[in-house]
Amino acid sequence: NDPLLNRYIEQAVANNLDIKIAQTRIRQARAFRQAATAKFYPQLDAITSAQSEQLSKQGEILGFFTNFPGVNLIQRDQVLYQPGFDAQWELDLFGKNKRTIESRQAIMEQENEDRRKIVLSTVAEVARNYIELRGAQAEMQLVLKNVALQRKNFAIIQHRYQVGNSNVLDAALAKSQLKKTE
């Protein structure tokens, strides 16, 4: 329930290249499965082509095209359209197409599981690092409080030494402990 950790996890999942690759593999596996499923249905192909030609004016002038004066039997601009159609359907008598679809489905499910593993690993790594950081920050706060307390302790012992209520050894030990903690 830490909003900062949740944001870090969302960013890690959104920007992780391994997860993006896994998502691409899932889309690819889904496309292969759909292509295998399409073999159960008739395959239809439509082909069209268009070709445009323009005859030279020079052909008329030189007499290659026999046009009578005032009558234009041959059109200079010509367009040719060719439509085509093809259909095929393969019966799945021995179950090859069905097994192919099952195989593609299994591959797609495996890719989904691989993505889940990558997401889980990424989330776990971000959470572990975040918890370690928070632990280090808490430890640092404790160390800083300890340093502040040892400074006060050293100041008290130093003052007691100056007024004669403590010996030089106590002051040296307090100073050594403070430097060690710092």
N, C-alpha and C. Protein backbone atom coordinates (compact mmCIF):
# COMPACT_ATOMS: atom_id res chain seq x y z
N ASN A 1 0.82 -1.21 0.00
CA ASN A 1 0.00 0.00 0.00
C ASN A 1 0.86 1.26 0.00
N ASP A 2 2.01 1.19 -0.58
CA ASP A 2 2.90 2.36 -0.67
C ASP A 2 2.74 2.96 -2.07
N PRO A 3 2.20 4.18 -2.19
CA PRO A 3 1.95 4.75 -3.52
C PRO A 3 3.24 4.92 -4.34
N LEU A 4 4.33 5.24 -3.67
CA LEU A 4 5.60 5.41 -4.39
C LEU A 4 6.07 4.07 -4.96
N LEU A 5 5.98 3.02 -4.16
CA LEU A 5 6.35 1.68 -4.64
C LEU A 5 5.44 1.26 -5.79
N ASN A 6 4.14 1.52 -5.66
CA ASN A 6 3.21 1.18 -6.75
C ASN A 6 3.58 1.91 -8.03
N ARG A 7 3.96 3.17 -7.92
CA ARG A 7 4.36 3.95 -9.11
C ARG A 7 5.64 3.38 -9.72
N TYR A 8 6.60 3.02 -8.88
CA TYR A 8 7.84 2.42 -9.39
C TYR A 8 7.55 1.11 -10.11
N ILE A 9 6.67 0.31 -9.55
CA ILE A 9 6.33 -0.97 -10.19
C ILE A 9 5.65 -0.73 -11.53
N GLU A 10 4.71 0.21 -11.57
CA GLU A 10 4.02 0.52 -12.84
C GLU A 10 5.03 0.99 -13.90
N GLN A 11 5.97 1.84 -13.50
CA GLN A 11 6.98 2.33 -14.45
C GLN A 11 7.88 1.19 -14.92
N ALA A 12 8.27 0.33 -14.01
CA ALA A 12 9.15 -0.78 -14.38
C ALA A 12 8.46 -1.73 -15.35
N VAL A 13 7.19 -2.02 -15.11
CA VAL A 13 6.45 -2.92 -16.00
C VAL A 13 6.23 -2.25 -17.36
N ALA A 14 5.92 -0.95 -17.35
CA ALA A 14 5.65 -0.24 -18.61
C ALA A 14 6.91 -0.07 -19.46
N ASN A 15 8.08 0.03 -18.82
CA ASN A 15 9.30 0.34 -19.56
C ASN A 15 10.27 -0.83 -19.70
N ASN A 16 9.88 -2.01 -19.23
CA ASN A 16 10.77 -3.16 -19.29
C ASN A 16 10.77 -3.75 -20.70
N LEU A 17 11.93 -3.80 -21.33
CA LEU A 17 12.02 -4.31 -22.70
C LEU A 17 11.72 -5.80 -22.80
N ASP A 18 12.07 -6.57 -21.78
CA ASP A 18 11.75 -8.00 -21.80
C ASP A 18 10.24 -8.23 -21.82
N ILE A 19 9.51 -7.41 -21.09
CA ILE A 19 8.04 -7.53 -21.09
C ILE A 19 7.48 -7.14 -22.45
N LYS A 20 8.04 -6.09 -23.05
CA LYS A 20 7.57 -5.68 -24.37
C LYS A 20 7.85 -6.77 -25.41
N ILE A 21 9.01 -7.40 -25.31
CA ILE A 21 9.33 -8.51 -26.23
C ILE A 21 8.36 -9.66 -26.01
N ALA A 22 8.05 -9.97 -24.76
CA ALA A 22 7.11 -11.05 -24.46
C ALA A 22 5.72 -10.72 -25.02
N GLN A 23 5.31 -9.46 -24.91
CA GLN A 23 4.00 -9.08 -25.47
C GLN A 23 4.00 -9.22 -26.98
N THR A 24 5.12 -8.89 -27.62
CA THR A 24 5.22 -9.07 -29.06
C THR A 24 5.14 -10.54 -29.43
N ARG A 25 5.78 -11.39 -28.65
CA ARG A 25 5.72 -12.84 -28.91
C ARG A 25 4.30 -13.37 -28.74
N ILE A 26 3.57 -12.83 -27.78
CA ILE A 26 2.17 -13.24 -27.59
C ILE A 26 1.35 -12.86 -28.81
N ARG A 27 1.53 -11.62 -29.30
CA ARG A 27 0.79 -11.19 -30.49
C ARG A 27 1.15 -12.06 -31.69
N GLN A 28 2.42 -12.40 -31.82
CA GLN A 28 2.87 -13.25 -32.92
C GLN A 28 2.24 -14.65 -32.81
N ALA A 29 2.25 -15.21 -31.62
CA ALA A 29 1.66 -16.54 -31.42
C ALA A 29 0.16 -16.51 -31.70
N ARG A 30 -0.50 -15.43 -31.30
CA ARG A 30 -1.94 -15.29 -31.57
C ARG A 30 -2.20 -15.22 -33.07
N ALA A 31 -1.34 -14.50 -33.80
CA ALA A 31 -1.50 -14.39 -35.25
C ALA A 31 -1.29 -15.75 -35.92
N PHE A 32 -0.29 -16.51 -35.45
CA PHE A 32 -0.06 -17.85 -36.01
C PHE A 32 -1.25 -18.77 -35.74
N ARG A 33 -1.82 -18.66 -34.55
CA ARG A 33 -2.99 -19.48 -34.23
C ARG A 33 -4.17 -19.10 -35.13
N GLN A 34 -4.38 -17.80 -35.34
CA GLN A 34 -5.47 -17.36 -36.22
C GLN A 34 -5.24 -17.83 -37.65
N ALA A 35 -3.99 -17.80 -38.10
CA ALA A 35 -3.69 -18.28 -39.45
C ALA A 35 -3.97 -19.78 -39.56
N ALA A 36 -3.64 -20.52 -38.52
CA ALA A 36 -3.92 -21.96 -38.54
C ALA A 36 -5.42 -22.22 -38.51
N THR A 37 -6.17 -21.41 -37.76
CA THR A 37 -7.63 -21.56 -37.70
C THR A 37 -8.26 -21.25 -39.05
N ALA A 38 -7.68 -20.35 -39.80
CA ALA A 38 -8.24 -19.97 -41.10
C ALA A 38 -8.23 -21.12 -42.09
N LYS A 39 -7.40 -22.13 -41.87
CA LYS A 39 -7.34 -23.27 -42.80
C LYS A 39 -8.60 -24.13 -42.77
N PHE A 40 -9.44 -23.95 -41.75
CA PHE A 40 -10.70 -24.69 -41.70
C PHE A 40 -11.74 -24.13 -42.67
N TYR A 41 -11.52 -22.94 -43.15
CA TYR A 41 -12.50 -22.26 -44.00
C TYR A 41 -11.99 -22.19 -45.43
N PRO A 42 -12.89 -22.00 -46.37
CA PRO A 42 -12.45 -21.86 -47.77
C PRO A 42 -11.55 -20.64 -47.92
N GLN A 43 -10.53 -20.80 -48.73
CA GLN A 43 -9.61 -19.70 -49.02
C GLN A 43 -10.04 -19.04 -50.32
N LEU A 44 -10.27 -17.76 -50.27
CA LEU A 44 -10.70 -17.01 -51.45
C LEU A 44 -9.64 -15.98 -51.79
N ASP A 45 -9.33 -15.90 -53.06
CA ASP A 45 -8.38 -14.89 -53.54
C ASP A 45 -9.04 -14.13 -54.67
N ALA A 46 -8.93 -12.83 -54.63
CA ALA A 46 -9.42 -11.99 -55.72
C ALA A 46 -8.23 -11.20 -56.26
N ILE A 47 -8.12 -11.20 -57.56
CA ILE A 47 -7.00 -10.52 -58.21
C ILE A 47 -7.58 -9.58 -59.26
N THR A 48 -7.13 -8.38 -59.24
CA THR A 48 -7.53 -7.44 -60.29
C THR A 48 -6.29 -6.71 -60.77
N SER A 49 -6.34 -6.34 -62.03
CA SER A 49 -5.24 -5.54 -62.56
C SER A 49 -5.82 -4.56 -63.57
N ALA A 50 -5.14 -3.46 -63.73
CA ALA A 50 -5.55 -2.43 -64.69
C ALA A 50 -4.31 -1.99 -65.44
N GLN A 51 -4.47 -1.81 -66.75
CA GLN A 51 -3.35 -1.40 -67.58
C GLN A 51 -3.83 -0.28 -68.48
N SER A 52 -3.07 0.76 -68.53
CA SER A 52 -3.45 1.92 -69.34
C SER A 52 -2.40 2.10 -70.45
N GLU A 53 -2.88 2.33 -71.70
CA GLU A 53 -1.99 2.55 -72.83
C GLU A 53 -2.44 3.79 -73.59
N GLN A 54 -1.49 4.44 -74.18
CA GLN A 54 -1.81 5.59 -75.03
C GLN A 54 -1.00 5.44 -76.32
N LEU A 55 -1.71 5.43 -77.43
CA LEU A 55 -1.05 5.30 -78.73
C LEU A 55 -0.52 6.66 -79.17
N SER A 56 0.58 6.63 -79.84
CA SER A 56 1.22 7.87 -80.28
C SER A 56 0.43 8.52 -81.42
N LYS A 57 0.44 9.84 -81.43
CA LYS A 57 -0.18 10.58 -82.54
C LYS A 57 0.61 10.35 -83.83
N GLN A 58 1.86 10.04 -83.68
CA GLN A 58 2.70 9.84 -84.85
C GLN A 58 2.22 8.66 -85.68
N GLY A 59 1.62 7.68 -85.04
CA GLY A 59 1.09 6.52 -85.77
C GLY A 59 -0.02 6.93 -86.73
N GLU A 60 -0.87 7.83 -86.34
CA GLU A 60 -1.94 8.31 -87.23
C GLU A 60 -1.34 9.07 -88.41
N ILE A 61 -0.38 9.93 -88.10
CA ILE A 61 0.20 10.77 -89.15
C ILE A 61 0.93 9.92 -90.18
N LEU A 62 1.64 8.92 -89.72
CA LEU A 62 2.41 8.07 -90.63
C LEU A 62 1.56 7.00 -91.31
N GLY A 63 0.32 6.85 -90.91
CA GLY A 63 -0.58 5.91 -91.56
C GLY A 63 -0.56 4.53 -90.98
N PHE A 64 -0.03 4.35 -89.78
CA PHE A 64 -0.04 3.03 -89.17
C PHE A 64 -1.44 2.63 -88.73
N PHE A 65 -2.25 3.60 -88.38
CA PHE A 65 -3.63 3.35 -87.96
C PHE A 65 -4.53 3.89 -89.05
N THR A 66 -5.32 3.04 -89.59
CA THR A 66 -6.17 3.45 -90.71
C THR A 66 -7.45 4.06 -90.19
N ASN A 67 -7.45 5.33 -90.08
CA ASN A 67 -8.64 6.10 -89.71
C ASN A 67 -9.08 6.89 -90.93
N PHE A 68 -10.34 6.86 -91.18
CA PHE A 68 -10.87 7.67 -92.28
C PHE A 68 -11.00 9.10 -91.80
N PRO A 69 -10.89 10.01 -92.69
CA PRO A 69 -11.00 11.42 -92.26
C PRO A 69 -12.34 11.65 -91.56
N GLY A 70 -12.24 12.25 -90.34
CA GLY A 70 -13.44 12.56 -89.57
C GLY A 70 -13.97 11.40 -88.77
N VAL A 71 -13.44 10.17 -88.98
CA VAL A 71 -13.91 8.99 -88.23
C VAL A 71 -12.72 8.44 -87.45
N ASN A 72 -12.86 8.31 -86.14
CA ASN A 72 -11.76 7.84 -85.29
C ASN A 72 -12.10 6.43 -84.81
N LEU A 73 -11.66 5.39 -85.57
CA LEU A 73 -11.97 4.01 -85.23
C LEU A 73 -11.10 3.48 -84.08
N ILE A 74 -9.90 3.97 -83.99
CA ILE A 74 -8.97 3.51 -82.96
C ILE A 74 -8.83 4.61 -81.91
N GLN A 75 -9.13 4.25 -80.69
CA GLN A 75 -8.99 5.20 -79.58
C GLN A 75 -7.52 5.27 -79.18
N ARG A 76 -7.04 6.46 -78.99
CA ARG A 76 -5.63 6.62 -78.58
C ARG A 76 -5.42 6.21 -77.12
N ASP A 77 -6.38 6.51 -76.27
CA ASP A 77 -6.28 6.13 -74.84
C ASP A 77 -7.07 4.86 -74.62
N GLN A 78 -6.38 3.82 -74.12
CA GLN A 78 -7.04 2.55 -73.88
C GLN A 78 -6.72 2.06 -72.46
N VAL A 79 -7.73 1.54 -71.78
CA VAL A 79 -7.56 0.98 -70.43
C VAL A 79 -8.09 -0.44 -70.46
N LEU A 80 -7.28 -1.37 -69.94
CA LEU A 80 -7.65 -2.78 -69.92
C LEU A 80 -7.77 -3.22 -68.46
N TYR A 81 -8.93 -3.76 -68.10
CA TYR A 81 -9.17 -4.27 -66.75
C TYR A 81 -9.25 -5.78 -66.81
N GLN A 82 -8.61 -6.45 -65.83
CA GLN A 82 -8.66 -7.91 -65.78
C GLN A 82 -8.98 -8.34 -64.35
N PRO A 83 -10.20 -8.78 -64.09
CA PRO A 83 -10.52 -9.31 -62.77
C PRO A 83 -10.20 -10.80 -62.73
N GLY A 84 -9.89 -11.31 -61.52
CA GLY A 84 -9.62 -12.73 -61.36
C GLY A 84 -10.15 -13.22 -60.02
N PHE A 85 -10.41 -14.50 -59.90
CA PHE A 85 -10.97 -15.08 -58.70
C PHE A 85 -10.44 -16.50 -58.56
N ASP A 86 -10.09 -16.89 -57.30
CA ASP A 86 -9.58 -18.23 -57.05
C ASP A 86 -10.12 -18.67 -55.70
N ALA A 87 -10.51 -19.92 -55.57
CA ALA A 87 -11.02 -20.46 -54.31
C ALA A 87 -10.47 -21.86 -54.11
N GLN A 88 -10.18 -22.20 -52.83
CA GLN A 88 -9.73 -23.55 -52.50
C GLN A 88 -10.15 -23.88 -51.08
N TRP A 89 -10.32 -25.15 -50.81
CA TRP A 89 -10.70 -25.60 -49.48
C TRP A 89 -10.14 -26.98 -49.28
N GLU A 90 -9.37 -27.14 -48.21
CA GLU A 90 -8.77 -28.43 -47.91
C GLU A 90 -9.50 -29.05 -46.73
N LEU A 91 -10.03 -30.23 -46.89
CA LEU A 91 -10.71 -30.93 -45.81
C LEU A 91 -9.68 -31.49 -44.84
N ASP A 92 -9.98 -31.40 -43.56
CA ASP A 92 -9.07 -31.87 -42.52
C ASP A 92 -9.43 -33.29 -42.12
N LEU A 93 -9.16 -34.23 -43.03
CA LEU A 93 -9.57 -35.61 -42.80
C LEU A 93 -8.79 -36.29 -41.68
N PHE A 94 -7.51 -36.02 -41.56
CA PHE A 94 -6.67 -36.71 -40.60
C PHE A 94 -6.32 -35.85 -39.38
N GLY A 95 -6.90 -34.65 -39.27
CA GLY A 95 -6.72 -33.80 -38.10
C GLY A 95 -5.45 -32.97 -38.07
N LYS A 96 -4.78 -32.84 -39.19
CA LYS A 96 -3.54 -32.05 -39.23
C LYS A 96 -3.80 -30.61 -38.83
N ASN A 97 -4.84 -30.01 -39.40
CA ASN A 97 -5.14 -28.61 -39.10
C ASN A 97 -5.55 -28.44 -37.64
N LYS A 98 -6.33 -29.40 -37.13
CA LYS A 98 -6.75 -29.32 -35.73
C LYS A 98 -5.54 -29.41 -34.80
N ARG A 99 -4.61 -30.30 -35.09
CA ARG A 99 -3.40 -30.43 -34.27
C ARG A 99 -2.53 -29.18 -34.38
N THR A 100 -2.50 -28.59 -35.55
CA THR A 100 -1.72 -27.36 -35.72
C THR A 100 -2.31 -26.25 -34.85
N ILE A 101 -3.63 -26.16 -34.83
CA ILE A 101 -4.29 -25.14 -34.00
C ILE A 101 -4.01 -25.41 -32.53
N GLU A 102 -4.09 -26.66 -32.11
CA GLU A 102 -3.80 -27.00 -30.72
C GLU A 102 -2.35 -26.64 -30.37
N SER A 103 -1.45 -26.91 -31.27
CA SER A 103 -0.05 -26.57 -31.06
C SER A 103 0.14 -25.07 -30.93
N ARG A 104 -0.48 -24.32 -31.82
CA ARG A 104 -0.38 -22.85 -31.79
C ARG A 104 -1.00 -22.29 -30.51
N GLN A 105 -2.09 -22.90 -30.07
CA GLN A 105 -2.74 -22.47 -28.82
C GLN A 105 -1.79 -22.72 -27.64
N ALA A 106 -1.14 -23.88 -27.62
CA ALA A 106 -0.20 -24.19 -26.54
C ALA A 106 0.98 -23.22 -26.55
N ILE A 107 1.47 -22.88 -27.73
CA ILE A 107 2.57 -21.92 -27.83
C ILE A 107 2.13 -20.56 -27.29
N MET A 108 0.91 -20.14 -27.64
CA MET A 108 0.40 -18.86 -27.17
C MET A 108 0.27 -18.86 -25.64
N GLU A 109 -0.23 -19.95 -25.08
CA GLU A 109 -0.35 -20.04 -23.62
C GLU A 109 1.02 -20.02 -22.96
N GLN A 110 2.00 -20.68 -23.58
CA GLN A 110 3.36 -20.66 -23.04
C GLN A 110 3.93 -19.25 -23.06
N GLU A 111 3.70 -18.52 -24.13
CA GLU A 111 4.18 -17.13 -24.23
C GLU A 111 3.51 -16.26 -23.17
N ASN A 112 2.21 -16.51 -22.89
CA ASN A 112 1.53 -15.77 -21.82
C ASN A 112 2.16 -16.06 -20.47
N GLU A 113 2.48 -17.32 -20.22
CA GLU A 113 3.12 -17.69 -18.96
C GLU A 113 4.52 -17.08 -18.85
N ASP A 114 5.25 -17.08 -19.95
CA ASP A 114 6.58 -16.46 -19.94
C ASP A 114 6.48 -14.98 -19.59
N ARG A 115 5.48 -14.30 -20.15
CA ARG A 115 5.28 -12.87 -19.84
C ARG A 115 4.96 -12.70 -18.36
N ARG A 116 4.08 -13.56 -17.84
CA ARG A 116 3.73 -13.46 -16.42
C ARG A 116 4.97 -13.64 -15.53
N LYS A 117 5.83 -14.60 -15.91
CA LYS A 117 7.06 -14.82 -15.12
C LYS A 117 7.95 -13.58 -15.16
N ILE A 118 8.06 -12.96 -16.32
CA ILE A 118 8.91 -11.77 -16.45
C ILE A 118 8.32 -10.62 -15.62
N VAL A 119 7.00 -10.44 -15.69
CA VAL A 119 6.35 -9.38 -14.92
C VAL A 119 6.54 -9.64 -13.43
N LEU A 120 6.33 -10.88 -12.99
CA LEU A 120 6.49 -11.21 -11.58
C LEU A 120 7.92 -10.98 -11.12
N SER A 121 8.88 -11.39 -11.93
CA SER A 121 10.29 -11.18 -11.59
C SER A 121 10.62 -9.70 -11.50
N THR A 122 10.10 -8.92 -12.44
CA THR A 122 10.36 -7.47 -12.44
C THR A 122 9.76 -6.82 -11.20
N VAL A 123 8.51 -7.16 -10.90
CA VAL A 123 7.84 -6.59 -9.73
C VAL A 123 8.58 -6.98 -8.46
N ALA A 124 8.98 -8.25 -8.35
CA ALA A 124 9.69 -8.71 -7.16
C ALA A 124 11.03 -7.98 -7.00
N GLU A 125 11.73 -7.78 -8.10
CA GLU A 125 13.03 -7.10 -8.02
C GLU A 125 12.86 -5.64 -7.61
N VAL A 126 11.87 -4.96 -8.18
CA VAL A 126 11.62 -3.56 -7.80
C VAL A 126 11.23 -3.48 -6.32
N ALA A 127 10.34 -4.37 -5.89
CA ALA A 127 9.90 -4.36 -4.49
C ALA A 127 11.06 -4.66 -3.55
N ARG A 128 11.89 -5.63 -3.90
CA ARG A 128 13.05 -5.97 -3.05
C ARG A 128 14.00 -4.79 -2.92
N ASN A 129 14.31 -4.16 -4.05
CA ASN A 129 15.21 -3.00 -4.02
C ASN A 129 14.60 -1.85 -3.22
N TYR A 130 13.30 -1.64 -3.37
CA TYR A 130 12.62 -0.57 -2.65
C TYR A 130 12.66 -0.83 -1.14
N ILE A 131 12.39 -2.08 -0.75
CA ILE A 131 12.41 -2.43 0.68
C ILE A 131 13.82 -2.28 1.24
N GLU A 132 14.82 -2.68 0.46
CA GLU A 132 16.21 -2.50 0.91
C GLU A 132 16.53 -1.02 1.06
N LEU A 133 16.07 -0.20 0.13
CA LEU A 133 16.30 1.24 0.22
C LEU A 133 15.63 1.82 1.46
N ARG A 134 14.37 1.45 1.68
CA ARG A 134 13.66 1.95 2.87
C ARG A 134 14.34 1.47 4.15
N GLY A 135 14.83 0.25 4.16
CA GLY A 135 15.56 -0.25 5.32
C GLY A 135 16.84 0.54 5.56
N ALA A 136 17.56 0.82 4.48
CA ALA A 136 18.80 1.61 4.60
C ALA A 136 18.49 3.02 5.08
N GLN A 137 17.39 3.60 4.59
CA GLN A 137 17.01 4.95 5.04
C GLN A 137 16.65 4.95 6.52
N ALA A 138 15.92 3.91 6.98
CA ALA A 138 15.57 3.82 8.40
C ALA A 138 16.83 3.63 9.25
N GLU A 139 17.73 2.79 8.75
CA GLU A 139 18.99 2.58 9.47
C GLU A 139 19.80 3.88 9.55
N MET A 140 19.80 4.64 8.47
CA MET A 140 20.52 5.92 8.45
C MET A 140 19.92 6.88 9.47
N GLN A 141 18.59 6.92 9.57
CA GLN A 141 17.95 7.79 10.56
C GLN A 141 18.35 7.39 11.98
N LEU A 142 18.40 6.08 12.23
CA LEU A 142 18.82 5.61 13.55
C LEU A 142 20.27 5.99 13.84
N VAL A 143 21.13 5.85 12.85
CA VAL A 143 22.54 6.19 13.03
C VAL A 143 22.68 7.69 13.31
N LEU A 144 21.93 8.51 12.57
CA LEU A 144 22.01 9.96 12.78
C LEU A 144 21.51 10.34 14.18
N LYS A 145 20.44 9.68 14.65
CA LYS A 145 19.96 9.93 16.01
C LYS A 145 21.00 9.50 17.04
N ASN A 146 21.65 8.35 16.77
CA ASN A 146 22.68 7.85 17.66
C ASN A 146 23.86 8.82 17.72
N VAL A 147 24.25 9.36 16.57
CA VAL A 147 25.35 10.34 16.53
C VAL A 147 24.97 11.57 17.35
N ALA A 148 23.73 12.05 17.19
CA ALA A 148 23.29 13.23 17.93
C ALA A 148 23.32 12.95 19.44
N LEU A 149 22.86 11.76 19.85
CA LEU A 149 22.89 11.42 21.28
C LEU A 149 24.32 11.30 21.80
N GLN A 150 25.21 10.72 20.99
CA GLN A 150 26.60 10.59 21.43
C GLN A 150 27.29 11.95 21.49
N ARG A 151 26.90 12.87 20.63
CA ARG A 151 27.45 14.25 20.72
C ARG A 151 27.02 14.89 22.05
N LYS A 152 25.73 14.71 22.39
CA LYS A 152 25.25 15.25 23.67
C LYS A 152 25.99 14.60 24.83
N ASN A 153 26.14 13.28 24.74
CA ASN A 153 26.85 12.55 25.79
C ASN A 153 28.29 13.04 25.91
N PHE A 154 28.96 13.22 24.77
CA PHE A 154 30.34 13.72 24.79
C PHE A 154 30.40 15.13 25.38
N ALA A 155 29.43 15.96 25.04
CA ALA A 155 29.41 17.33 25.57
C ALA A 155 29.21 17.32 27.08
N ILE A 156 28.34 16.42 27.56
CA ILE A 156 28.10 16.32 29.01
C ILE A 156 29.36 15.83 29.72
N ILE A 157 29.99 14.79 29.18
CA ILE A 157 31.20 14.25 29.80
C ILE A 157 32.33 15.27 29.73
N GLN A 158 32.44 16.00 28.62
CA GLN A 158 33.45 17.04 28.48
C GLN A 158 33.23 18.14 29.53
N HIS A 159 31.97 18.50 29.72
CA HIS A 159 31.65 19.54 30.72
C HIS A 159 31.96 19.02 32.13
N ARG A 160 31.62 17.76 32.41
CA ARG A 160 31.90 17.18 33.72
C ARG A 160 33.41 17.11 33.96
N TYR A 161 34.16 16.82 32.89
CA TYR A 161 35.62 16.78 33.03
C TYR A 161 36.18 18.16 33.35
N GLN A 162 35.62 19.17 32.70
CA GLN A 162 36.10 20.54 32.91
C GLN A 162 35.80 21.04 34.34
N VAL A 163 34.70 20.56 34.89
CA VAL A 163 34.37 20.98 36.27
C VAL A 163 34.95 20.03 37.31
N GLY A 164 35.57 18.95 36.85
CA GLY A 164 36.26 18.05 37.76
C GLY A 164 35.45 16.87 38.23
N ASN A 165 34.33 16.60 37.67
CA ASN A 165 33.51 15.47 38.08
C ASN A 165 33.77 14.21 37.26
N SER A 166 34.69 14.25 36.29
CA SER A 166 34.98 13.10 35.46
C SER A 166 36.47 13.08 35.17
N ASN A 167 36.98 11.92 34.75
CA ASN A 167 38.41 11.84 34.44
C ASN A 167 38.63 11.92 32.92
N VAL A 168 39.87 12.04 32.54
CA VAL A 168 40.24 12.20 31.13
C VAL A 168 39.92 10.93 30.33
N LEU A 169 39.95 9.78 30.97
CA LEU A 169 39.66 8.52 30.28
C LEU A 169 38.19 8.47 29.81
N ASP A 170 37.26 8.91 30.66
CA ASP A 170 35.85 8.94 30.26
C ASP A 170 35.64 9.87 29.07
N ALA A 171 36.29 11.02 29.09
CA ALA A 171 36.16 11.97 27.98
C ALA A 171 36.76 11.39 26.69
N ALA A 172 37.89 10.70 26.79
CA ALA A 172 38.54 10.11 25.62
C ALA A 172 37.68 8.97 25.05
N LEU A 173 37.09 8.15 25.92
CA LEU A 173 36.22 7.06 25.47
C LEU A 173 34.97 7.61 24.77
N ALA A 174 34.36 8.65 25.32
CA ALA A 174 33.17 9.25 24.71
C ALA A 174 33.52 9.85 23.35
N LYS A 175 34.67 10.49 23.25
CA LYS A 175 35.09 11.08 21.97
C LYS A 175 35.38 9.98 20.95
N SER A 176 36.04 8.91 21.36
CA SER A 176 36.35 7.78 20.46
C SER A 176 35.06 7.13 19.95
N GLN A 177 34.09 6.92 20.87
CA GLN A 177 32.83 6.30 20.46
C GLN A 177 32.09 7.19 19.47
N LEU A 178 32.11 8.49 19.68
CA LEU A 178 31.45 9.44 18.77
C LEU A 178 32.09 9.36 17.39
N LYS A 179 33.41 9.40 17.32
CA LYS A 179 34.12 9.36 16.02
C LYS A 179 33.85 8.04 15.29
N LYS A 180 33.81 6.96 16.06
CA LYS A 180 33.55 5.65 15.46
C LYS A 180 32.14 5.62 14.83
N THR A 181 31.17 6.12 15.56
CA THR A 181 29.78 6.13 15.05
C THR A 181 29.65 7.06 13.86
N GLU A 182 30.31 8.23 13.92
CA GLU A 182 30.27 9.16 12.77
C GLU A 182 30.88 8.51 11.56
